[in-house]
Amino acid sequence: MVGALLYIKGRSIPTLVGSLAQHLRLPSLVRHVWVTDSGILSRPLLRALGPQGHFALGRLRCNQRVYFAPRRRAPRPRRPSVFGPSCRVEQLLTRFPQRLRQHQTVLRVRGRERAVSVGDADIRLRGVWPHRALSARVLIVIVPGLALSPWYLLCTDLTLEPVEAVHTYAGRF
């Protein structure tokens, strides 16, 4: 028998992908970024990849709520804030344009090379770890001249350049 098929009833696909990542014998000196779809990119997957030192890159749903770091204030006797202002990903361009860093690149979209605009912002995700935030980067890819809705990407590898992350995600097609 070459390999055993593992089926676990009642476990979601992101949980199974995270379990698979634990069983793969990947070299520890190499940085691993899992490129996923919006159906698989979820808190259980991020929870499974984090302790292994792996990162995720995938498409976010437009209604995903993201948080920014809180403003620095004078120390108070109570517990410090972990999360600052928040909004849905689709509202980042209108509510917090000053937090987005802009980049330009060229991508193959609909069979042609097109100039695209990439905006990125450092965010925090809630609910991945108890009582602490997961630092990540949200990327907004806009293709001017086409009636496409923007792509909203999430990258947990903060050392990966935004344009490189967009090219990596686009390369999965």
N, C-alpha and C. Protein backbone atom coordinates (compact mmCIF):
# COMPACT_ATOMS: atom_id res chain seq x y z
N MET A 1 0.85 -1.18 0.00
CA MET A 1 0.00 0.00 0.00
C MET A 1 0.89 1.24 0.00
N VAL A 2 0.67 2.13 -0.95
CA VAL A 2 1.51 3.31 -1.10
C VAL A 2 1.22 4.32 0.00
N GLY A 3 0.00 4.61 0.26
CA GLY A 3 -0.36 5.59 1.28
C GLY A 3 -1.75 5.30 1.80
N ALA A 4 -2.01 5.75 2.97
CA ALA A 4 -3.33 5.53 3.57
C ALA A 4 -4.17 6.79 3.42
N LEU A 5 -5.40 6.62 3.07
CA LEU A 5 -6.32 7.73 2.96
C LEU A 5 -6.88 8.01 4.35
N LEU A 6 -6.77 9.26 4.78
CA LEU A 6 -7.22 9.63 6.12
C LEU A 6 -8.49 10.45 5.99
N TYR A 7 -9.57 9.95 6.52
CA TYR A 7 -10.83 10.69 6.53
C TYR A 7 -11.30 10.79 7.96
N ILE A 8 -11.56 12.00 8.38
CA ILE A 8 -12.02 12.21 9.75
C ILE A 8 -13.36 12.92 9.68
N LYS A 9 -14.37 12.25 10.10
CA LYS A 9 -15.73 12.78 10.05
C LYS A 9 -15.87 13.95 11.01
N GLY A 10 -16.50 15.00 10.53
CA GLY A 10 -16.80 16.14 11.37
C GLY A 10 -15.71 17.20 11.44
N ARG A 11 -14.60 17.03 10.73
CA ARG A 11 -13.55 18.04 10.73
C ARG A 11 -13.64 18.86 9.45
N SER A 12 -13.44 20.14 9.57
CA SER A 12 -13.55 21.02 8.42
C SER A 12 -12.30 20.91 7.55
N ILE A 13 -12.40 21.39 6.32
CA ILE A 13 -11.27 21.36 5.40
C ILE A 13 -10.09 22.17 5.93
N PRO A 14 -10.28 23.40 6.46
CA PRO A 14 -9.12 24.12 7.01
C PRO A 14 -8.43 23.37 8.15
N THR A 15 -9.18 22.69 8.99
CA THR A 15 -8.59 21.91 10.07
C THR A 15 -7.79 20.74 9.52
N LEU A 16 -8.31 20.10 8.48
CA LEU A 16 -7.60 18.98 7.86
C LEU A 16 -6.33 19.45 7.15
N VAL A 17 -6.38 20.62 6.51
CA VAL A 17 -5.19 21.17 5.85
C VAL A 17 -4.12 21.48 6.90
N GLY A 18 -4.53 22.06 8.03
CA GLY A 18 -3.59 22.33 9.11
C GLY A 18 -2.98 21.06 9.66
N SER A 19 -3.78 20.00 9.76
CA SER A 19 -3.28 18.71 10.22
C SER A 19 -2.30 18.12 9.21
N LEU A 20 -2.61 18.29 7.93
CA LEU A 20 -1.71 17.82 6.88
C LEU A 20 -0.37 18.55 6.96
N ALA A 21 -0.40 19.85 7.23
CA ALA A 21 0.84 20.63 7.33
C ALA A 21 1.74 20.10 8.44
N GLN A 22 1.14 19.58 9.51
CA GLN A 22 1.93 19.04 10.62
C GLN A 22 2.61 17.73 10.23
N HIS A 23 2.00 16.97 9.33
CA HIS A 23 2.54 15.67 8.96
C HIS A 23 3.55 15.72 7.81
N LEU A 24 3.59 16.82 7.09
CA LEU A 24 4.56 16.94 6.00
C LEU A 24 5.95 17.15 6.57
N ARG A 25 6.91 16.53 5.97
CA ARG A 25 8.30 16.70 6.42
C ARG A 25 8.95 17.77 5.56
N LEU A 26 8.67 19.02 5.89
CA LEU A 26 9.21 20.15 5.15
C LEU A 26 10.48 20.63 5.84
N PRO A 27 11.48 21.10 5.07
CA PRO A 27 12.71 21.57 5.70
C PRO A 27 12.44 22.79 6.59
N SER A 28 13.01 22.78 7.77
CA SER A 28 12.72 23.85 8.73
C SER A 28 13.43 25.15 8.40
N LEU A 29 14.49 25.13 7.61
CA LEU A 29 15.23 26.34 7.29
C LEU A 29 14.57 27.16 6.19
N VAL A 30 13.57 26.61 5.53
CA VAL A 30 12.89 27.29 4.43
C VAL A 30 11.60 27.90 4.95
N ARG A 31 11.31 29.12 4.49
CA ARG A 31 10.07 29.79 4.88
C ARG A 31 8.93 29.23 4.03
N HIS A 32 7.86 28.76 4.66
CA HIS A 32 6.75 28.14 3.95
C HIS A 32 5.53 29.06 3.99
N VAL A 33 5.02 29.39 2.81
CA VAL A 33 3.82 30.22 2.68
C VAL A 33 2.77 29.38 1.96
N TRP A 34 1.67 29.13 2.62
CA TRP A 34 0.58 28.35 2.04
C TRP A 34 -0.34 29.30 1.28
N VAL A 35 -0.48 29.10 -0.02
CA VAL A 35 -1.36 29.91 -0.86
C VAL A 35 -2.70 29.21 -0.90
N THR A 36 -3.74 29.88 -0.40
CA THR A 36 -5.05 29.24 -0.25
C THR A 36 -6.14 30.06 -0.91
N ASP A 37 -7.29 29.44 -0.99
CA ASP A 37 -8.49 30.09 -1.50
C ASP A 37 -9.28 30.66 -0.32
N SER A 38 -10.26 31.49 -0.62
CA SER A 38 -11.03 32.12 0.46
C SER A 38 -11.83 31.10 1.28
N GLY A 39 -12.16 29.96 0.71
CA GLY A 39 -12.91 28.96 1.47
C GLY A 39 -12.06 28.22 2.48
N ILE A 40 -10.75 28.21 2.28
CA ILE A 40 -9.86 27.49 3.18
C ILE A 40 -9.16 28.43 4.16
N LEU A 41 -8.92 29.67 3.74
CA LEU A 41 -8.27 30.64 4.62
C LEU A 41 -9.22 31.00 5.75
N SER A 42 -8.92 30.51 6.94
CA SER A 42 -9.81 30.74 8.07
C SER A 42 -9.01 30.69 9.36
N ARG A 43 -9.66 31.00 10.46
CA ARG A 43 -8.98 31.00 11.76
C ARG A 43 -8.42 29.63 12.13
N PRO A 44 -9.16 28.52 11.92
CA PRO A 44 -8.56 27.22 12.25
C PRO A 44 -7.28 26.92 11.47
N LEU A 45 -7.22 27.32 10.21
CA LEU A 45 -6.00 27.11 9.43
C LEU A 45 -4.87 27.97 9.97
N LEU A 46 -5.14 29.23 10.27
CA LEU A 46 -4.12 30.12 10.82
C LEU A 46 -3.62 29.61 12.17
N ARG A 47 -4.54 29.07 12.96
CA ARG A 47 -4.20 28.49 14.26
C ARG A 47 -3.27 27.29 14.11
N ALA A 48 -3.49 26.49 13.07
CA ALA A 48 -2.68 25.30 12.85
C ALA A 48 -1.31 25.63 12.26
N LEU A 49 -1.23 26.63 11.39
CA LEU A 49 0.03 26.96 10.73
C LEU A 49 0.97 27.77 11.61
N GLY A 50 0.43 28.58 12.49
CA GLY A 50 1.23 29.47 13.32
C GLY A 50 2.30 28.79 14.16
N PRO A 51 1.97 27.77 14.96
CA PRO A 51 3.00 27.13 15.80
C PRO A 51 4.10 26.43 15.00
N GLN A 52 3.84 26.10 13.74
CA GLN A 52 4.83 25.43 12.91
C GLN A 52 5.75 26.43 12.21
N GLY A 53 5.45 27.72 12.34
CA GLY A 53 6.26 28.73 11.67
C GLY A 53 5.89 28.91 10.21
N HIS A 54 4.74 28.41 9.80
CA HIS A 54 4.27 28.56 8.43
C HIS A 54 3.39 29.80 8.33
N PHE A 55 3.24 30.30 7.11
CA PHE A 55 2.46 31.50 6.86
C PHE A 55 1.35 31.19 5.85
N ALA A 56 0.36 32.06 5.80
CA ALA A 56 -0.75 31.88 4.86
C ALA A 56 -0.87 33.12 3.98
N LEU A 57 -1.26 32.89 2.74
CA LEU A 57 -1.54 33.94 1.78
C LEU A 57 -2.79 33.51 1.03
N GLY A 58 -3.84 34.32 1.10
CA GLY A 58 -5.06 33.93 0.43
C GLY A 58 -6.03 35.08 0.32
N ARG A 59 -7.11 34.78 -0.35
CA ARG A 59 -8.13 35.80 -0.60
C ARG A 59 -9.07 35.91 0.57
N LEU A 60 -9.37 37.15 0.95
CA LEU A 60 -10.31 37.42 2.03
C LEU A 60 -11.69 37.70 1.45
N ARG A 61 -12.68 37.41 2.23
CA ARG A 61 -14.03 37.83 1.84
C ARG A 61 -14.16 39.33 2.11
N CYS A 62 -14.96 40.00 1.32
CA CYS A 62 -15.04 41.46 1.43
C CYS A 62 -15.68 41.92 2.74
N ASN A 63 -16.40 41.03 3.43
CA ASN A 63 -17.04 41.44 4.68
C ASN A 63 -16.21 41.07 5.91
N GLN A 64 -14.98 40.61 5.72
CA GLN A 64 -14.09 40.28 6.84
C GLN A 64 -13.77 41.55 7.64
N ARG A 65 -13.91 41.49 8.93
CA ARG A 65 -13.59 42.63 9.80
C ARG A 65 -12.13 42.55 10.19
N VAL A 66 -11.42 43.67 10.01
CA VAL A 66 -10.02 43.76 10.38
C VAL A 66 -9.84 44.91 11.37
N TYR A 67 -8.78 44.82 12.15
CA TYR A 67 -8.50 45.81 13.19
C TYR A 67 -7.11 46.39 12.98
N PHE A 68 -6.93 47.62 13.43
CA PHE A 68 -5.63 48.24 13.42
C PHE A 68 -5.07 48.22 14.83
N ALA A 69 -3.79 48.51 14.94
CA ALA A 69 -3.17 48.59 16.26
C ALA A 69 -3.76 49.80 17.01
N PRO A 70 -3.90 49.72 18.31
CA PRO A 70 -4.43 50.86 19.06
C PRO A 70 -3.43 52.00 19.09
N ARG A 71 -3.93 53.20 19.29
CA ARG A 71 -3.06 54.36 19.43
C ARG A 71 -2.31 54.26 20.75
N ARG A 72 -1.10 54.78 20.73
CA ARG A 72 -0.32 54.79 21.96
C ARG A 72 -0.83 55.91 22.85
N ARG A 73 -1.14 55.55 24.06
CA ARG A 73 -1.64 56.54 25.03
C ARG A 73 -0.84 56.42 26.31
N ALA A 74 -1.08 57.35 27.18
CA ALA A 74 -0.41 57.32 28.48
C ALA A 74 -0.85 56.05 29.22
N PRO A 75 0.05 55.42 29.95
CA PRO A 75 -0.31 54.19 30.65
C PRO A 75 -1.42 54.42 31.68
N ARG A 76 -2.33 53.48 31.71
CA ARG A 76 -3.44 53.54 32.65
C ARG A 76 -3.37 52.33 33.57
N PRO A 77 -4.07 52.40 34.68
CA PRO A 77 -4.02 51.27 35.60
C PRO A 77 -4.74 50.02 35.08
N ARG A 78 -5.49 50.13 33.99
CA ARG A 78 -6.20 48.95 33.49
C ARG A 78 -5.40 48.27 32.38
N ARG A 79 -5.90 47.15 31.92
CA ARG A 79 -5.22 46.35 30.89
C ARG A 79 -5.15 47.14 29.58
N PRO A 80 -4.00 47.13 28.91
CA PRO A 80 -3.87 47.88 27.66
C PRO A 80 -4.72 47.28 26.54
N SER A 81 -5.12 48.12 25.61
CA SER A 81 -5.91 47.68 24.47
C SER A 81 -5.05 46.87 23.51
N VAL A 82 -5.66 45.85 22.92
CA VAL A 82 -4.97 45.04 21.91
C VAL A 82 -5.40 45.47 20.52
N PHE A 83 -6.64 45.92 20.39
CA PHE A 83 -7.21 46.28 19.10
C PHE A 83 -7.58 47.76 19.08
N GLY A 84 -7.38 48.37 17.93
CA GLY A 84 -7.76 49.76 17.72
C GLY A 84 -8.99 49.84 16.84
N PRO A 85 -9.07 50.86 15.98
CA PRO A 85 -10.24 51.00 15.10
C PRO A 85 -10.38 49.81 14.17
N SER A 86 -11.62 49.55 13.75
CA SER A 86 -11.87 48.42 12.87
C SER A 86 -12.82 48.81 11.75
N CYS A 87 -12.82 48.00 10.72
CA CYS A 87 -13.78 48.17 9.63
C CYS A 87 -13.76 46.89 8.79
N ARG A 88 -14.72 46.80 7.89
CA ARG A 88 -14.73 45.69 6.95
C ARG A 88 -13.67 45.95 5.88
N VAL A 89 -13.15 44.90 5.29
CA VAL A 89 -12.07 45.03 4.31
C VAL A 89 -12.51 45.89 3.13
N GLU A 90 -13.74 45.75 2.70
CA GLU A 90 -14.21 46.52 1.54
C GLU A 90 -14.30 48.02 1.85
N GLN A 91 -14.27 48.41 3.12
CA GLN A 91 -14.36 49.82 3.50
C GLN A 91 -12.99 50.46 3.74
N LEU A 92 -11.92 49.71 3.62
CA LEU A 92 -10.58 50.26 3.89
C LEU A 92 -10.25 51.43 2.97
N LEU A 93 -10.59 51.32 1.70
CA LEU A 93 -10.27 52.39 0.75
C LEU A 93 -10.99 53.69 1.06
N THR A 94 -12.19 53.62 1.58
CA THR A 94 -12.96 54.83 1.85
C THR A 94 -12.77 55.37 3.27
N ARG A 95 -12.66 54.47 4.26
CA ARG A 95 -12.58 54.92 5.65
C ARG A 95 -11.16 55.20 6.14
N PHE A 96 -10.18 54.42 5.65
CA PHE A 96 -8.80 54.57 6.13
C PHE A 96 -7.80 54.64 4.97
N PRO A 97 -7.99 55.54 4.00
CA PRO A 97 -7.04 55.58 2.88
C PRO A 97 -5.63 55.99 3.32
N GLN A 98 -5.51 56.73 4.41
CA GLN A 98 -4.20 57.18 4.88
C GLN A 98 -3.36 56.03 5.44
N ARG A 99 -3.97 54.91 5.78
CA ARG A 99 -3.23 53.77 6.32
C ARG A 99 -2.71 52.83 5.22
N LEU A 100 -3.15 53.04 3.99
CA LEU A 100 -2.74 52.17 2.88
C LEU A 100 -1.48 52.71 2.22
N ARG A 101 -0.49 51.86 2.04
CA ARG A 101 0.70 52.19 1.27
C ARG A 101 0.45 51.72 -0.16
N GLN A 102 0.74 52.57 -1.13
CA GLN A 102 0.42 52.27 -2.53
C GLN A 102 1.66 51.77 -3.28
N HIS A 103 1.44 50.77 -4.14
CA HIS A 103 2.48 50.21 -5.00
C HIS A 103 1.87 50.00 -6.39
N GLN A 104 2.73 50.00 -7.40
CA GLN A 104 2.29 49.73 -8.77
C GLN A 104 3.05 48.50 -9.27
N THR A 105 2.37 47.67 -10.04
CA THR A 105 3.01 46.51 -10.65
C THR A 105 2.23 46.12 -11.89
N VAL A 106 2.71 45.09 -12.57
CA VAL A 106 2.05 44.59 -13.78
C VAL A 106 1.68 43.13 -13.53
N LEU A 107 0.42 42.78 -13.82
CA LEU A 107 -0.07 41.41 -13.66
C LEU A 107 -0.76 40.97 -14.94
N ARG A 108 -0.79 39.68 -15.15
CA ARG A 108 -1.54 39.12 -16.27
C ARG A 108 -2.98 38.94 -15.81
N VAL A 109 -3.89 39.75 -16.36
CA VAL A 109 -5.30 39.70 -16.01
C VAL A 109 -6.10 39.57 -17.30
N ARG A 110 -6.94 38.53 -17.34
CA ARG A 110 -7.76 38.26 -18.52
C ARG A 110 -6.93 38.17 -19.80
N GLY A 111 -5.80 37.49 -19.69
CA GLY A 111 -5.00 37.20 -20.86
C GLY A 111 -4.06 38.30 -21.32
N ARG A 112 -4.03 39.44 -20.62
CA ARG A 112 -3.15 40.54 -21.03
C ARG A 112 -2.39 41.07 -19.82
N GLU A 113 -1.21 41.61 -20.10
CA GLU A 113 -0.44 42.27 -19.04
C GLU A 113 -1.09 43.63 -18.77
N ARG A 114 -1.42 43.88 -17.52
CA ARG A 114 -2.09 45.13 -17.15
C ARG A 114 -1.42 45.74 -15.93
N ALA A 115 -1.40 47.06 -15.91
CA ALA A 115 -0.88 47.77 -14.75
C ALA A 115 -1.95 47.70 -13.64
N VAL A 116 -1.53 47.33 -12.45
CA VAL A 116 -2.46 47.25 -11.32
C VAL A 116 -1.91 48.07 -10.17
N SER A 117 -2.83 48.48 -9.32
CA SER A 117 -2.49 49.23 -8.13
C SER A 117 -2.66 48.31 -6.92
N VAL A 118 -1.66 48.28 -6.06
CA VAL A 118 -1.69 47.44 -4.87
C VAL A 118 -1.58 48.33 -3.65
N GLY A 119 -2.56 48.24 -2.77
CA GLY A 119 -2.51 48.96 -1.49
C GLY A 119 -2.33 47.95 -0.38
N ASP A 120 -1.48 48.26 0.59
CA ASP A 120 -1.30 47.32 1.69
C ASP A 120 -1.33 48.07 3.02
N ALA A 121 -1.81 47.38 4.04
CA ALA A 121 -1.87 47.94 5.39
C ALA A 121 -1.64 46.82 6.39
N ASP A 122 -0.94 47.15 7.47
CA ASP A 122 -0.73 46.19 8.55
C ASP A 122 -1.98 46.19 9.43
N ILE A 123 -2.46 45.00 9.72
CA ILE A 123 -3.70 44.86 10.48
C ILE A 123 -3.50 43.84 11.59
N ARG A 124 -4.55 43.67 12.36
CA ARG A 124 -4.60 42.63 13.38
C ARG A 124 -5.90 41.87 13.22
N LEU A 125 -5.82 40.56 13.38
CA LEU A 125 -7.01 39.71 13.30
C LEU A 125 -7.41 39.27 14.70
N ARG A 126 -8.68 39.24 14.93
CA ARG A 126 -9.22 38.83 16.21
C ARG A 126 -9.74 37.40 16.11
N GLY A 127 -9.62 36.65 17.19
CA GLY A 127 -10.22 35.34 17.25
C GLY A 127 -9.34 34.18 16.85
N VAL A 128 -8.10 34.45 16.43
CA VAL A 128 -7.21 33.36 16.08
C VAL A 128 -6.61 32.79 17.36
N TRP A 129 -6.09 33.66 18.22
CA TRP A 129 -5.51 33.26 19.50
C TRP A 129 -6.32 33.90 20.62
N PRO A 130 -6.48 33.23 21.74
CA PRO A 130 -7.21 33.83 22.86
C PRO A 130 -6.44 35.01 23.46
N HIS A 131 -7.09 36.11 23.61
CA HIS A 131 -6.59 37.31 24.29
C HIS A 131 -5.38 37.96 23.63
N ARG A 132 -5.13 37.65 22.37
CA ARG A 132 -4.07 38.35 21.65
C ARG A 132 -4.41 38.37 20.16
N ALA A 133 -3.75 39.28 19.48
CA ALA A 133 -4.03 39.49 18.05
C ALA A 133 -3.02 38.77 17.19
N LEU A 134 -3.44 38.44 15.97
CA LEU A 134 -2.53 37.91 14.97
C LEU A 134 -2.19 39.06 14.03
N SER A 135 -0.92 39.43 13.96
CA SER A 135 -0.49 40.49 13.05
C SER A 135 -0.44 39.94 11.64
N ALA A 136 -0.96 40.72 10.70
CA ALA A 136 -1.01 40.29 9.31
C ALA A 136 -0.98 41.54 8.42
N ARG A 137 -1.04 41.30 7.14
CA ARG A 137 -1.08 42.40 6.18
C ARG A 137 -2.23 42.15 5.22
N VAL A 138 -3.02 43.17 4.98
CA VAL A 138 -4.09 43.07 3.99
C VAL A 138 -3.62 43.79 2.73
N LEU A 139 -3.89 43.17 1.59
CA LEU A 139 -3.50 43.71 0.29
C LEU A 139 -4.75 43.93 -0.54
N ILE A 140 -4.86 45.09 -1.13
CA ILE A 140 -6.00 45.40 -2.00
C ILE A 140 -5.46 45.63 -3.40
N VAL A 141 -5.89 44.78 -4.33
CA VAL A 141 -5.42 44.84 -5.71
C VAL A 141 -6.54 45.39 -6.58
N ILE A 142 -6.25 46.49 -7.26
CA ILE A 142 -7.24 47.14 -8.13
C ILE A 142 -6.68 47.16 -9.54
N VAL A 143 -7.51 46.72 -10.50
CA VAL A 143 -7.14 46.75 -11.91
C VAL A 143 -7.89 47.90 -12.56
N PRO A 144 -7.21 49.04 -12.80
CA PRO A 144 -7.90 50.16 -13.42
C PRO A 144 -8.29 49.84 -14.87
N GLY A 145 -9.43 50.36 -15.27
CA GLY A 145 -9.88 50.17 -16.64
C GLY A 145 -10.74 48.93 -16.85
N LEU A 146 -10.84 48.07 -15.88
CA LEU A 146 -11.69 46.89 -15.97
C LEU A 146 -12.76 46.95 -14.89
N ALA A 147 -13.90 46.42 -15.19
CA ALA A 147 -15.00 46.42 -14.23
C ALA A 147 -14.89 45.22 -13.29
N LEU A 148 -13.71 45.04 -12.70
CA LEU A 148 -13.50 43.97 -11.73
C LEU A 148 -13.57 44.54 -10.33
N SER A 149 -14.15 43.78 -9.43
CA SER A 149 -14.11 44.22 -8.04
C SER A 149 -12.69 43.99 -7.52
N PRO A 150 -12.25 44.77 -6.55
CA PRO A 150 -10.88 44.61 -6.03
C PRO A 150 -10.67 43.24 -5.41
N TRP A 151 -9.43 42.76 -5.44
CA TRP A 151 -9.06 41.54 -4.74
C TRP A 151 -8.60 41.94 -3.35
N TYR A 152 -9.08 41.26 -2.36
CA TYR A 152 -8.66 41.50 -0.98
C TYR A 152 -7.87 40.27 -0.54
N LEU A 153 -6.59 40.46 -0.30
CA LEU A 153 -5.71 39.35 0.08
C LEU A 153 -5.21 39.54 1.51
N LEU A 154 -4.95 38.42 2.18
CA LEU A 154 -4.39 38.43 3.51
C LEU A 154 -3.07 37.68 3.47
N CYS A 155 -2.04 38.27 4.06
CA CYS A 155 -0.73 37.63 4.14
C CYS A 155 -0.24 37.71 5.58
N THR A 156 0.06 36.57 6.17
CA THR A 156 0.53 36.57 7.55
C THR A 156 2.05 36.68 7.62
N ASP A 157 2.74 36.58 6.49
CA ASP A 157 4.19 36.76 6.45
C ASP A 157 4.48 38.24 6.24
N LEU A 158 4.87 38.93 7.31
CA LEU A 158 5.10 40.36 7.23
C LEU A 158 6.43 40.72 6.57
N THR A 159 7.30 39.74 6.36
CA THR A 159 8.57 40.01 5.68
C THR A 159 8.44 39.92 4.16
N LEU A 160 7.35 39.37 3.68
CA LEU A 160 7.12 39.25 2.24
C LEU A 160 6.66 40.60 1.69
N GLU A 161 7.33 41.07 0.66
CA GLU A 161 6.97 42.36 0.05
C GLU A 161 5.57 42.27 -0.54
N PRO A 162 4.77 43.34 -0.45
CA PRO A 162 3.39 43.30 -0.96
C PRO A 162 3.28 42.93 -2.43
N VAL A 163 4.15 43.49 -3.27
CA VAL A 163 4.08 43.19 -4.71
C VAL A 163 4.46 41.72 -4.94
N GLU A 164 5.44 41.22 -4.21
CA GLU A 164 5.84 39.82 -4.34
C GLU A 164 4.69 38.90 -3.90
N ALA A 165 3.97 39.28 -2.85
CA ALA A 165 2.83 38.49 -2.38
C ALA A 165 1.73 38.45 -3.44
N VAL A 166 1.46 39.57 -4.09
CA VAL A 166 0.43 39.61 -5.13
C VAL A 166 0.84 38.74 -6.31
N HIS A 167 2.11 38.79 -6.72
CA HIS A 167 2.57 37.94 -7.82
C HIS A 167 2.52 36.47 -7.45
N THR A 168 2.80 36.16 -6.20
CA THR A 168 2.72 34.77 -5.74
C THR A 168 1.28 34.28 -5.79
N TYR A 169 0.35 35.09 -5.31
CA TYR A 169 -1.05 34.70 -5.35
C TYR A 169 -1.55 34.57 -6.78
N ALA A 170 -1.19 35.52 -7.63
CA ALA A 170 -1.63 35.48 -9.04
C ALA A 170 -1.02 34.28 -9.76
N GLY A 171 0.14 33.82 -9.32
CA GLY A 171 0.80 32.69 -9.95
C GLY A 171 0.12 31.36 -9.69
N ARG A 172 -0.78 31.31 -8.76
CA ARG A 172 -1.46 30.04 -8.47
C ARG A 172 -2.43 29.65 -9.58
N PHE A 173 -2.80 30.60 -10.43
CA PHE A 173 -3.69 30.29 -11.53
C PHE A 173 -2.89 29.73 -12.68
